Amino acid sequence: GHEQLLKMMEERMMDVEQKLRLVKRLLQDKVNQLKEQLSKNTKADAMVKDLYVENAQLLKALEMTEQRQKTAERKNYLLEEKIANLNRIVKNLASPSFSS
């Protein structure tokens, strides 16, 4: 009886050890999977930060371009006014010479 009990205990211990090895392997797989995911997340985080900076630079460039466009439109308007005034002056100067 004592031998049999000892043999049963040994078999149970071997079974428990086998299950522990399996759990250890599964845990190690999970650890590797999580490390890989962390690495991917770190890379993605860096890319997001880079995109954020690039986006800010592009917004600044867009603001400057819009400002230049407004300035060019104002200058264009002033030039058109000057042309209209010069045309009036030329027309006024030309009018008396035709009448005389």
Protein backbone atom coordinates (compact mmCIF):
# COMPACT_ATOMS: atom_id res chain seq x y z
CA GLY A 1 0.00 0.00 0.00
CA HIS A 2 2.78 2.35 0.87
CA GLU A 3 4.64 1.61 -2.43
CA GLN A 4 1.47 2.13 -4.43
CA LEU A 5 0.73 5.43 -2.67
CA LEU A 6 4.27 6.59 -3.35
CA LYS A 7 3.98 5.62 -7.02
CA MET A 8 0.65 7.50 -7.34
CA MET A 9 2.22 10.57 -5.72
CA GLU A 10 5.15 10.39 -8.16
CA GLU A 11 2.78 10.14 -11.14
CA ARG A 12 0.78 13.12 -9.86
CA MET A 13 4.00 15.11 -9.37
CA MET A 14 5.11 14.27 -12.92
CA ASP A 15 1.69 15.29 -14.22
CA VAL A 16 1.83 18.57 -12.28
CA GLU A 17 5.38 19.23 -13.56
CA GLN A 18 4.28 18.58 -17.13
CA LYS A 19 1.34 20.96 -16.72
CA LEU A 20 3.66 23.57 -15.17
CA ARG A 21 6.05 23.29 -18.13
CA LEU A 22 3.11 23.76 -20.50
CA VAL A 23 1.88 26.81 -18.56
CA LYS A 24 5.44 28.20 -18.49
CA ARG A 25 5.71 27.78 -22.28
CA LEU A 26 2.32 29.45 -22.80
CA LEU A 27 3.32 32.32 -20.51
CA GLN A 28 6.62 32.76 -22.36
CA ASP A 29 4.75 32.87 -25.68
CA LYS A 30 2.46 35.52 -24.24
CA VAL A 31 5.44 37.52 -22.93
CA ASN A 32 7.05 37.40 -26.38
CA GLN A 33 3.78 38.45 -28.00
CA LEU A 34 3.42 41.39 -25.59
CA LYS A 35 7.04 42.47 -26.14
CA GLU A 36 6.44 42.45 -29.90
CA GLN A 37 3.24 44.46 -29.45
CA LEU A 38 5.06 46.96 -27.22
CA SER A 39 7.74 47.39 -29.88
CA LYS A 40 5.08 48.00 -32.56
CA ASN A 41 3.27 50.47 -30.29
CA THR A 42 6.51 52.34 -29.59
CA LYS A 43 7.20 52.65 -33.32
CA ALA A 44 3.62 53.76 -33.98
CA ASP A 45 3.86 56.31 -31.17
CA ALA A 46 7.04 57.75 -32.70
CA MET A 47 5.35 57.92 -36.11
CA VAL A 48 2.34 59.71 -34.61
CA LYS A 49 4.64 62.25 -32.95
CA ASP A 50 6.51 62.80 -36.24
CA LEU A 51 3.20 63.26 -38.08
CA TYR A 52 2.02 65.69 -35.41
CA VAL A 53 5.17 67.80 -35.86
CA GLU A 54 4.94 67.61 -39.66
CA ASN A 55 1.27 68.60 -39.50
CA ALA A 56 2.11 71.64 -37.35
CA GLN A 57 4.81 72.65 -39.86
CA LEU A 58 2.39 72.23 -42.77
CA LEU A 59 -0.25 74.32 -40.97
CA LYS A 60 2.32 77.08 -40.39
CA ALA A 61 3.35 76.95 -44.06
CA LEU A 62 -0.31 77.09 -45.09
CA GLU A 63 -0.89 80.15 -42.85
CA MET A 64 2.12 81.90 -44.38
CA THR A 65 0.95 81.04 -47.91
CA GLU A 66 -2.54 82.34 -47.18
CA GLN A 67 -1.02 85.54 -45.74
CA ARG A 68 1.11 85.99 -48.88
CA GLN A 69 -1.98 85.41 -51.03
CA LYS A 70 -3.93 88.10 -49.13
CA THR A 71 -1.00 90.52 -49.49
CA ALA A 72 -0.77 89.76 -53.22
CA GLU A 73 -4.54 90.26 -53.59
CA ARG A 74 -4.31 93.64 -51.79
CA LYS A 75 -1.39 94.74 -54.00
CA ASN A 76 -3.27 93.55 -57.08
CA TYR A 77 -6.34 95.57 -56.04
CA LEU A 78 -4.20 98.69 -55.48
CA LEU A 79 -2.51 98.22 -58.87
CA GLU A 80 -5.91 97.86 -60.56
CA GLU A 81 -7.02 101.10 -58.88
CA LYS A 82 -3.84 102.86 -60.08
CA ILE A 83 -4.40 101.55 -63.63
CA ALA A 84 -7.99 102.80 -63.57
CA ASN A 85 -6.78 106.22 -62.31
CA LEU A 86 -4.06 106.36 -64.99
CA ASN A 87 -6.60 105.43 -67.65
CA ARG A 88 -8.85 108.27 -66.45
CA ILE A 89 -5.91 110.70 -66.54
CA VAL A 90 -4.92 109.58 -70.05
CA LYS A 91 -8.54 109.85 -71.16
CA ASN A 92 -8.81 113.36 -69.65
CA LEU A 93 -5.52 114.40 -71.26
CA ALA A 94 -6.57 112.99 -74.61
CA SER A 95 -10.03 114.58 -74.57
CA PRO A 96 -8.97 118.28 -74.93
CA SER A 97 -6.46 117.50 -77.68
CA PHE A 98 -9.18 115.87 -79.78
CA SER A 99 -11.56 118.74 -79.28
CA SER A 100 -9.00 121.41 -80.32
